[in-house]
N, C-alpha and C. Protein backbone atom coordinates (compact mmCIF):
# COMPACT_ATOMS: atom_id res chain seq x y z
N UNK A 1 11.94 60.18 105.01
CA UNK A 1 12.12 60.74 105.48
C UNK A 1 11.51 62.26 106.06
N UNK A 2 11.57 62.53 106.95
CA UNK A 2 11.28 63.06 108.25
C UNK A 2 11.38 64.30 108.30
N UNK A 3 10.79 64.99 108.44
CA UNK A 3 10.60 66.64 108.46
C UNK A 3 11.69 66.59 108.97
N UNK A 4 12.08 66.68 110.20
CA UNK A 4 13.83 66.48 111.35
C UNK A 4 14.57 66.10 110.55
N UNK A 5 14.33 65.24 109.88
CA UNK A 5 15.65 64.12 108.92
C UNK A 5 16.00 65.27 108.03
N UNK A 6 15.20 65.58 107.53
CA UNK A 6 14.89 66.99 106.06
C UNK A 6 15.93 68.00 107.11
N UNK A 7 15.50 68.69 107.85
CA UNK A 7 16.21 69.82 108.79
C UNK A 7 17.71 69.55 109.38
N UNK A 8 18.11 68.10 109.62
CA UNK A 8 19.18 67.68 109.81
C UNK A 8 20.14 67.99 108.93
N UNK A 9 19.65 67.14 107.80
CA UNK A 9 20.58 66.88 106.02
C UNK A 9 21.00 68.56 105.87
N UNK A 10 19.65 69.21 105.88
CA UNK A 10 20.21 70.68 105.73
C UNK A 10 20.58 71.52 105.99
N UNK A 11 20.87 71.21 107.66
CA UNK A 11 21.44 71.59 108.12
C UNK A 11 23.03 71.45 108.23
N UNK A 12 23.13 69.96 108.38
CA UNK A 12 24.57 69.37 107.85
C UNK A 12 24.52 70.33 106.68
N UNK A 13 24.27 70.02 105.47
CA UNK A 13 24.48 70.56 103.76
C UNK A 13 24.52 72.56 104.18
N UNK A 14 24.16 73.23 104.73
CA UNK A 14 24.78 74.27 105.29
C UNK A 14 25.59 74.26 105.91
N UNK A 15 26.37 73.39 106.59
CA UNK A 15 27.03 73.42 107.64
C UNK A 15 29.10 72.98 106.58
N UNK A 16 28.35 72.14 105.79
CA UNK A 16 29.26 71.67 105.00
C UNK A 16 29.43 72.75 103.90
N UNK A 17 28.88 73.71 103.69
CA UNK A 17 28.64 74.58 102.40
C UNK A 17 29.44 75.46 103.29
N UNK A 18 29.37 76.22 104.54
CA UNK A 18 30.13 76.92 105.08
C UNK A 18 31.29 76.83 105.67
N UNK A 19 31.97 75.36 105.87
CA UNK A 19 33.03 74.89 106.02
C UNK A 19 33.92 74.69 104.69
N UNK A 20 33.35 74.45 103.47
CA UNK A 20 33.55 74.51 102.07
C UNK A 20 33.91 76.04 102.29
N UNK A 21 33.86 77.38 102.59
CA UNK A 21 34.08 78.68 101.42
C UNK A 21 34.42 78.78 103.18
N UNK A 22 34.87 78.66 103.67
CA UNK A 22 35.47 79.01 104.71
C UNK A 22 36.65 78.57 104.36
N UNK A 23 37.00 77.54 104.29
CA UNK A 23 38.52 76.87 103.54
C UNK A 23 38.58 77.75 102.28
N UNK A 24 37.79 77.72 101.40
CA UNK A 24 38.05 78.08 100.48
C UNK A 24 38.76 79.63 101.06
N UNK A 25 38.43 80.44 101.25
CA UNK A 25 38.54 81.46 101.40
C UNK A 25 39.89 81.67 102.56
N UNK A 26 40.03 80.77 103.54
CA UNK A 26 41.21 80.81 104.24
C UNK A 26 42.17 80.72 102.85
N UNK A 27 42.45 79.51 101.97
CA UNK A 27 43.65 79.18 100.95
C UNK A 27 43.54 80.61 100.36
N UNK A 28 42.45 81.66 99.82
CA UNK A 28 43.15 82.31 99.09
C UNK A 28 44.07 83.45 99.59
N UNK A 29 42.96 83.43 101.36
CA UNK A 29 43.73 84.61 102.14
C UNK A 29 45.58 84.37 101.79
N UNK A 30 45.41 82.95 102.22
CA UNK A 30 47.11 82.08 102.81
C UNK A 30 47.81 82.01 100.82
N UNK A 31 46.55 82.23 100.35
CA UNK A 31 48.12 82.40 98.74
C UNK A 31 48.27 84.48 98.66
N UNK A 32 47.15 85.08 99.31
CA UNK A 32 47.53 86.33 98.69
C UNK A 32 48.50 86.88 99.90
N UNK A 33 48.25 86.43 101.11
CA UNK A 33 49.73 86.54 102.21
C UNK A 33 50.90 86.14 101.75
N UNK A 34 51.12 84.69 101.28
CA UNK A 34 51.57 83.85 101.16
C UNK A 34 52.85 84.65 100.17
N UNK A 35 52.37 85.75 99.04
CA UNK A 35 52.46 86.35 98.27
C UNK A 35 52.88 87.58 98.55
N UNK A 36 52.34 88.24 99.43
CA UNK A 36 53.15 89.57 99.86
C UNK A 36 54.40 89.56 100.74
N UNK A 37 53.72 88.08 101.81
CA UNK A 37 55.24 87.47 102.56
C UNK A 37 56.52 86.81 101.68
N UNK A 38 56.31 87.21 100.35
CA UNK A 38 57.89 86.20 99.94
C UNK A 38 57.97 87.74 98.79
N UNK A 39 57.54 88.52 98.74
CA UNK A 39 57.39 90.21 98.34
C UNK A 39 58.32 90.53 99.62
N UNK A 40 57.82 90.32 100.76
CA UNK A 40 58.16 91.57 102.01
C UNK A 40 59.98 90.06 102.59
N UNK A 41 59.96 89.53 102.10
CA UNK A 41 60.92 88.24 101.65
C UNK A 41 62.74 89.20 101.20
N UNK A 42 61.55 89.38 99.65
CA UNK A 42 62.36 89.48 98.58
C UNK A 42 63.35 91.26 99.13
N UNK A 43 62.24 91.83 99.95
CA UNK A 43 63.21 93.24 100.14
C UNK A 43 63.56 93.39 101.53
N UNK A 44 62.93 92.38 101.86
CA UNK A 44 64.72 92.27 103.45
C UNK A 44 65.62 92.13 102.39
N UNK A 45 65.76 90.84 101.84
CA UNK A 45 67.05 90.00 101.61
C UNK A 45 67.70 90.77 100.47
N UNK A 46 66.81 91.78 99.46
CA UNK A 46 67.49 92.64 98.81
C UNK A 46 68.33 94.31 100.34
N UNK A 47 67.45 94.61 101.39
CA UNK A 47 67.98 95.30 102.01
C UNK A 47 69.06 95.04 102.91
N UNK A 48 69.49 93.89 102.92
CA UNK A 48 70.30 92.59 103.67
C UNK A 48 71.31 92.40 102.86
N UNK A 49 71.07 92.22 101.53
CA UNK A 49 72.47 92.38 100.67
C UNK A 49 73.12 94.33 100.18
N UNK A 50 72.57 95.37 100.40
CA UNK A 50 72.64 96.34 100.27
C UNK A 50 73.59 96.73 101.71
N UNK A 51 73.08 95.97 102.68
CA UNK A 51 74.05 96.47 103.71
C UNK A 51 75.06 95.58 103.92
N UNK A 52 75.05 94.75 104.17
CA UNK A 52 76.46 94.26 103.75
C UNK A 52 77.15 94.40 102.79
N UNK A 53 76.65 94.89 101.80
CA UNK A 53 78.02 95.09 100.44
C UNK A 53 78.23 96.63 100.94
N UNK A 54 77.56 97.75 101.64
CA UNK A 54 78.12 98.49 102.29
C UNK A 54 79.34 98.36 103.43
N UNK A 55 79.09 97.55 104.42
CA UNK A 55 79.71 97.72 105.37
C UNK A 55 81.20 96.84 104.79
N UNK A 56 81.29 95.96 104.27
CA UNK A 56 81.92 95.21 103.09
C UNK A 56 82.68 96.73 102.61
N UNK A 57 82.36 97.73 102.13
CA UNK A 57 82.70 98.20 101.03
C UNK A 57 83.60 99.43 102.10
N UNK A 58 83.26 99.57 103.38
CA UNK A 58 83.76 100.01 104.63
C UNK A 58 84.92 99.37 105.08
N UNK A 59 84.69 98.86 105.33
CA UNK A 59 85.78 97.48 106.25
C UNK A 59 87.06 97.13 105.04
N UNK A 60 86.89 97.27 103.77
CA UNK A 60 88.61 97.49 102.68
C UNK A 60 88.69 98.71 103.43
N UNK A 61 87.65 99.67 102.76
CA UNK A 61 88.40 101.52 103.25
C UNK A 61 89.50 101.44 104.74
N UNK A 62 88.61 101.34 105.83
CA UNK A 62 89.64 101.19 106.65
C UNK A 62 90.44 100.79 107.03
N UNK A 63 90.39 98.96 106.08
CA UNK A 63 92.32 98.10 106.06
C UNK A 63 93.26 98.89 105.62
N UNK A 64 93.23 99.52 104.26
CA UNK A 64 93.67 100.17 103.49
C UNK A 64 94.05 100.51 104.19
N UNK A 65 93.30 102.23 104.68
CA UNK A 65 93.87 103.17 105.75
C UNK A 65 94.71 102.12 106.35
N UNK A 66 94.41 100.90 107.54
CA UNK A 66 95.29 100.75 107.89
C UNK A 66 96.38 100.20 107.61
N UNK A 67 96.36 99.77 106.90
CA UNK A 67 97.31 99.28 105.66
C UNK A 67 98.96 100.34 105.17
N UNK A 68 97.68 101.71 104.73
CA UNK A 68 98.98 102.41 104.09
C UNK A 68 99.48 103.32 105.69
N UNK A 69 98.81 103.57 106.18
CA UNK A 69 99.40 103.87 108.24
C UNK A 69 100.51 103.02 108.23
N UNK A 70 100.56 101.80 109.02
CA UNK A 70 101.36 100.87 108.52
C UNK A 70 102.72 101.17 108.26
N UNK A 71 102.59 100.66 106.73
CA UNK A 71 103.99 101.35 105.02
C UNK A 71 104.04 102.51 105.81
N UNK A 72 104.14 103.40 106.20
CA UNK A 72 104.11 105.29 106.44
C UNK A 72 105.17 104.61 107.96
N UNK A 73 104.44 104.21 108.87
CA UNK A 73 105.01 104.43 109.94
C UNK A 73 106.21 103.17 109.69
N UNK A 74 105.66 102.59 109.32
CA UNK A 74 107.45 100.74 108.42
C UNK A 74 108.73 101.52 108.36
N UNK A 75 107.95 103.03 106.71
CA UNK A 75 108.99 103.61 106.57
C UNK A 75 109.85 104.06 107.23
N UNK A 76 109.00 105.06 108.63
CA UNK A 76 109.59 106.51 109.46
C UNK A 76 110.25 105.71 110.52
N UNK A 77 110.04 104.54 110.70
CA UNK A 77 110.68 103.91 111.34
C UNK A 77 112.04 102.80 110.95
N UNK A 78 112.04 102.85 109.51
CA UNK A 78 113.12 102.71 109.08
C UNK A 78 114.26 103.58 108.63
N UNK A 79 113.90 104.92 108.21
CA UNK A 79 114.37 105.95 108.69
C UNK A 79 115.12 106.41 109.82
N UNK A 80 114.51 106.31 110.41
CA UNK A 80 114.93 106.64 112.34
C UNK A 80 116.04 105.28 112.40
N UNK A 81 115.49 104.33 112.40
CA UNK A 81 116.72 103.41 113.10
C UNK A 81 118.29 103.40 111.32
N UNK A 82 117.60 104.08 110.65
CA UNK A 82 119.23 103.87 109.78
C UNK A 82 120.08 105.67 110.52
N UNK A 83 119.16 107.04 110.84
CA UNK A 83 119.94 107.84 111.83
C UNK A 83 120.34 107.41 112.64
N UNK A 84 119.08 106.35 113.11
CA UNK A 84 120.01 106.30 114.93
C UNK A 84 122.01 105.43 114.61
N UNK A 85 121.65 104.34 113.69
CA UNK A 85 123.02 103.64 112.81
C UNK A 85 123.48 104.64 112.71
N UNK A 86 123.40 105.34 111.86
CA UNK A 86 123.96 107.18 111.23
C UNK A 86 125.24 107.41 112.34
N UNK A 87 124.62 107.64 113.17
CA UNK A 87 124.61 108.52 114.70
C UNK A 87 125.68 107.10 115.63
N UNK A 88 125.21 106.65 116.11
CA UNK A 88 126.35 105.77 116.70
C UNK A 88 127.57 105.95 115.46
N UNK A 89 127.44 104.72 114.78
CA UNK A 89 128.32 104.53 113.90
C UNK A 89 130.31 106.01 113.81
N UNK A 90 129.06 106.77 114.34
CA UNK A 90 129.62 108.09 113.61
C UNK A 90 130.11 108.73 115.43
N UNK A 91 129.61 108.52 116.26
CA UNK A 91 129.92 108.62 117.72
C UNK A 91 131.45 107.66 117.83
N UNK A 92 131.31 106.08 117.51
CA UNK A 92 131.85 105.19 117.32
C UNK A 92 133.29 105.73 116.97
N UNK A 93 133.27 105.98 115.55
CA UNK A 93 134.60 106.72 115.24
C UNK A 93 135.41 107.57 115.66
N UNK A 94 134.30 108.87 116.40
CA UNK A 94 134.94 109.66 117.31
C UNK A 94 135.75 109.29 117.69
N UNK A 95 134.75 108.25 119.05
CA UNK A 95 136.08 107.63 119.60
C UNK A 95 136.87 106.53 119.79
N UNK A 96 136.72 106.03 118.80
CA UNK A 96 138.20 105.41 117.94
C UNK A 96 139.14 106.60 117.90
N UNK A 97 138.32 107.60 116.88
CA UNK A 97 139.70 108.62 116.91
C UNK A 97 140.58 108.97 118.32
N UNK A 98 139.95 109.37 118.90
CA UNK A 98 140.12 110.06 120.39
C UNK A 98 141.21 108.91 121.15
N UNK A 99 140.75 108.14 121.30
CA UNK A 99 141.27 106.96 121.67
C UNK A 99 142.87 107.09 120.64
N UNK A 100 142.92 106.88 119.70
CA UNK A 100 143.99 107.22 119.30
C UNK A 100 144.77 107.97 119.05
N UNK A 101 144.01 109.31 119.35
CA UNK A 101 145.01 110.42 118.85
C UNK A 101 144.54 111.05 118.28
N UNK A 102 144.53 111.28 116.91
CA UNK A 102 144.11 111.07 116.20
C UNK A 102 143.31 112.68 116.52
N UNK A 103 142.02 112.49 116.64
CA UNK A 103 141.86 113.93 117.64
C UNK A 103 142.43 113.68 119.18
N UNK A 104 141.77 115.59 118.68
CA UNK A 104 141.68 115.95 120.15
C UNK A 104 140.71 116.86 120.66
N UNK A 105 139.91 117.12 121.85
CA UNK A 105 139.09 117.27 122.51
C UNK A 105 139.84 119.14 123.13
N UNK A 106 138.82 120.01 122.78
CA UNK A 106 139.94 121.19 123.58
C UNK A 106 138.75 122.41 123.73
N UNK A 107 138.69 122.74 124.74
CA UNK A 107 137.40 123.66 125.59
C UNK A 107 138.28 125.61 124.86
N UNK A 108 137.60 125.98 124.95
CA UNK A 108 137.92 127.69 124.53
C UNK A 108 137.77 128.01 125.77
N UNK A 109 138.67 129.21 126.07
CA UNK A 109 138.91 129.46 127.76
C UNK A 109 138.73 130.57 127.41
N UNK A 110 137.71 131.64 128.07
CA UNK A 110 137.40 133.01 128.41
C UNK A 110 138.78 133.54 128.43
N UNK A 111 138.90 134.71 127.73
CA UNK A 111 139.47 135.65 127.19
C UNK A 111 139.89 136.53 127.92
N UNK A 112 138.26 137.03 128.88
CA UNK A 112 138.70 138.18 129.74
C UNK A 112 138.81 137.16 131.05
N UNK A 113 139.28 136.59 131.79
CA UNK A 113 139.71 136.14 132.68
C UNK A 113 140.86 136.02 133.28
N UNK A 114 141.07 137.06 133.55
CA UNK A 114 142.57 137.98 134.32
C UNK A 114 142.81 136.73 135.52
N UNK A 115 142.15 135.48 135.78
CA UNK A 115 142.87 134.98 137.08
C UNK A 115 143.31 133.47 136.56
N UNK A 116 143.03 133.19 134.62
CA UNK A 116 144.46 132.55 134.17
C UNK A 116 145.82 132.79 134.30
N UNK A 117 146.16 134.19 134.85
CA UNK A 117 148.09 134.64 135.14
C UNK A 117 148.05 134.48 133.42
N UNK A 118 147.62 134.09 132.58
CA UNK A 118 148.50 133.74 131.10
C UNK A 118 147.75 135.15 129.44
N UNK A 119 148.32 135.99 131.06
CA UNK A 119 146.88 137.02 129.61
C UNK A 119 148.24 136.86 128.42
N UNK A 120 147.52 137.60 127.28
CA UNK A 120 147.57 137.86 125.91
C UNK A 120 148.38 139.44 126.06
N UNK A 121 148.54 139.79 124.98
CA UNK A 121 149.83 140.90 125.12
C UNK A 121 148.44 140.83 123.89
N UNK A 122 148.75 142.78 124.67
CA UNK A 122 147.24 143.67 123.41
C UNK A 122 148.17 143.96 122.14
N UNK A 123 149.76 143.96 122.04
CA UNK A 123 150.29 144.09 120.76
C UNK A 123 151.25 142.71 120.28
N UNK A 124 151.45 142.67 119.39
CA UNK A 124 151.96 141.86 118.34
C UNK A 124 153.40 141.72 118.43
N UNK A 125 154.38 140.53 119.01
CA UNK A 125 155.30 140.12 119.24
C UNK A 125 156.37 140.63 118.62
N UNK A 126 157.36 141.03 118.09
CA UNK A 126 158.57 140.55 116.98
C UNK A 126 158.65 139.28 116.73
N UNK A 127 158.58 138.56 117.10
CA UNK A 127 158.39 137.18 116.88
C UNK A 127 157.26 136.67 115.96
N UNK A 128 155.96 137.43 115.69
CA UNK A 128 155.21 137.45 114.42
C UNK A 128 154.49 136.87 115.50
N UNK A 129 154.04 135.99 115.91
CA UNK A 129 152.77 135.02 117.03
C UNK A 129 151.82 135.49 116.71
N UNK A 130 150.90 134.78 115.97
CA UNK A 130 149.55 135.37 115.92
C UNK A 130 148.71 134.71 117.20
N UNK A 131 148.12 135.23 118.03
CA UNK A 131 147.50 135.19 119.51
C UNK A 131 146.01 134.70 118.71
N UNK A 132 145.58 133.58 119.27
CA UNK A 132 144.26 133.15 118.66
C UNK A 132 144.04 133.19 120.42
N UNK A 133 142.23 132.81 119.79
CA UNK A 133 141.89 132.17 121.01
C UNK A 133 142.60 131.31 122.13
N UNK A 134 142.25 131.40 123.54
CA UNK A 134 143.43 129.95 124.39
C UNK A 134 142.20 128.98 124.40
N UNK A 135 142.99 128.12 123.59
CA UNK A 135 142.03 126.36 124.22
C UNK A 135 142.44 125.51 125.49
N UNK A 136 142.58 124.86 125.80
CA UNK A 136 142.79 123.84 126.87
C UNK A 136 142.70 122.89 126.11
N UNK A 137 143.54 121.58 126.34
CA UNK A 137 143.35 120.35 125.75
C UNK A 137 142.85 119.21 126.35
N UNK A 138 141.61 118.81 126.68
CA UNK A 138 140.69 117.80 127.35
C UNK A 138 141.35 116.28 128.03
N UNK A 139 141.64 115.90 129.03
CA UNK A 139 142.65 114.39 129.06
C UNK A 139 141.33 113.66 128.65
N UNK A 140 142.20 112.90 127.30
CA UNK A 140 141.02 112.07 126.82
C UNK A 140 140.36 111.16 127.26
N UNK A 141 140.40 110.60 128.51
CA UNK A 141 138.99 109.79 129.69
C UNK A 141 138.29 110.81 129.75
N UNK A 142 138.74 112.28 129.75
CA UNK A 142 137.16 112.48 130.00
C UNK A 142 136.74 113.21 128.80
N UNK A 143 137.01 113.41 127.52
CA UNK A 143 136.66 113.70 126.37
C UNK A 143 135.81 112.27 125.66
N UNK A 144 136.35 110.61 126.13
CA UNK A 144 134.83 109.16 125.75
C UNK A 144 134.19 110.04 126.81
N UNK A 145 133.88 110.29 127.56
CA UNK A 145 133.56 110.58 128.73
C UNK A 145 132.07 111.60 128.13
N UNK A 146 132.99 112.30 127.59
CA UNK A 146 131.92 113.74 127.25
C UNK A 146 131.28 113.10 125.29
N UNK A 147 131.58 112.27 125.07
CA UNK A 147 131.31 111.67 123.38
C UNK A 147 130.50 110.46 124.15
N UNK A 148 130.93 109.92 124.84
CA UNK A 148 129.50 108.99 125.84
C UNK A 148 127.80 109.38 125.94
N UNK A 149 128.04 111.05 126.84
CA UNK A 149 127.05 111.92 127.30
C UNK A 149 127.08 112.80 125.56
N UNK A 150 127.27 113.32 124.88
CA UNK A 150 126.79 113.43 123.02
C UNK A 150 126.36 112.32 122.91
N UNK A 151 126.22 111.22 122.54
CA UNK A 151 125.59 109.68 122.41
C UNK A 151 124.68 110.06 122.46
N UNK A 152 124.65 109.36 124.23
CA UNK A 152 123.24 108.85 124.94
C UNK A 152 121.86 110.02 124.47
N UNK A 153 122.73 111.24 124.14
CA UNK A 153 121.37 112.38 123.83
C UNK A 153 121.59 112.15 122.21
N UNK A 154 122.21 112.28 121.87
CA UNK A 154 121.80 111.75 120.07
C UNK A 154 120.56 110.51 120.33
N UNK A 155 121.00 109.73 120.93
CA UNK A 155 119.61 108.35 121.11
C UNK A 155 118.45 109.01 120.96
N UNK A 156 118.79 109.79 122.63
CA UNK A 156 117.85 110.49 123.28
C UNK A 156 116.99 111.50 122.03
N UNK A 157 117.52 112.00 121.48
CA UNK A 157 116.60 113.10 120.13
C UNK A 157 115.81 112.29 119.11
N UNK A 158 116.95 111.41 118.55
CA UNK A 158 116.48 109.94 117.57
C UNK A 158 114.96 109.96 117.65
N UNK A 159 115.39 109.39 118.78
CA UNK A 159 114.29 108.36 119.61
C UNK A 159 112.92 108.90 120.05
N UNK A 160 113.39 110.42 120.28
CA UNK A 160 112.23 111.51 120.35
C UNK A 160 111.46 112.01 118.46
N UNK A 161 112.42 112.12 118.11
CA UNK A 161 112.31 112.48 116.92
C UNK A 161 110.60 111.43 116.30
N UNK A 162 111.26 110.00 116.99
CA UNK A 162 110.19 109.04 115.67
C UNK A 162 109.41 108.96 117.02
N UNK A 163 109.51 108.94 118.11
CA UNK A 163 107.92 109.27 118.52
C UNK A 163 107.14 110.14 118.26
N UNK A 164 107.86 111.25 118.38
CA UNK A 164 107.11 112.22 117.24
C UNK A 164 106.43 112.22 116.24
N UNK A 165 106.74 112.27 115.47
CA UNK A 165 106.91 111.13 114.00
C UNK A 165 105.58 109.87 114.53
N UNK A 166 105.75 109.40 114.78
CA UNK A 166 104.54 108.42 114.95
C UNK A 166 103.18 108.88 115.69
N UNK A 167 103.33 109.24 116.48
CA UNK A 167 102.22 110.48 117.61
C UNK A 167 101.46 111.26 116.09
N UNK A 168 102.39 111.94 115.14
CA UNK A 168 101.69 112.59 114.33
C UNK A 168 100.92 111.98 112.74
N UNK A 169 101.83 111.19 112.59
CA UNK A 169 100.95 110.03 112.22
C UNK A 169 100.09 109.14 112.13
N UNK A 170 99.90 108.62 113.55
CA UNK A 170 99.20 107.33 113.81
C UNK A 170 97.95 109.19 114.69
N UNK A 171 97.76 110.26 114.92
CA UNK A 171 96.72 110.63 115.06
C UNK A 171 96.34 111.59 113.95
N UNK A 172 97.28 112.25 112.96
CA UNK A 172 96.25 112.77 111.68
C UNK A 172 94.89 111.85 111.08
N UNK A 173 93.75 112.47 111.16
CA UNK A 173 92.84 111.42 110.37
C UNK A 173 92.71 111.68 109.08
N UNK A 174 92.07 110.68 108.47
CA UNK A 174 92.63 110.38 107.49
C UNK A 174 91.58 110.49 106.10
């Protein structure tokens, strides 16, 4: 073997030793980094699980609040529907009683009105008639129209109360 061949084989041997040591160092670094990455991945998964659990709990709490609000609104709606049906039933009963002349609507007349020409005597007569406040009876058709107007007003007031209760319930923070 010539010195050049010896030198070449020595260089090849050194190069082989360097490649083996480089590979070994690379493998050691890979094992270290794999351990660190596995640890980081585990921590990351733990954090993700905690965030997911918190989000689920918050969503469940919001859903419970929404369900409670919906139940309260349903109860309020049921109450207002009952009030409306009761008012409509009472109005229908009053209209029926007016139609059958079971009840008559009358208005109180002004006792100080001198234009009426029906002055009440200031002293009672010997006949013993008690003079009460003067009243005038309304025509049944006019009475029916008045009842219809009050019925619409009652329905409007009940609807207004329902809207106010709804807005109060929805806008109240819980």
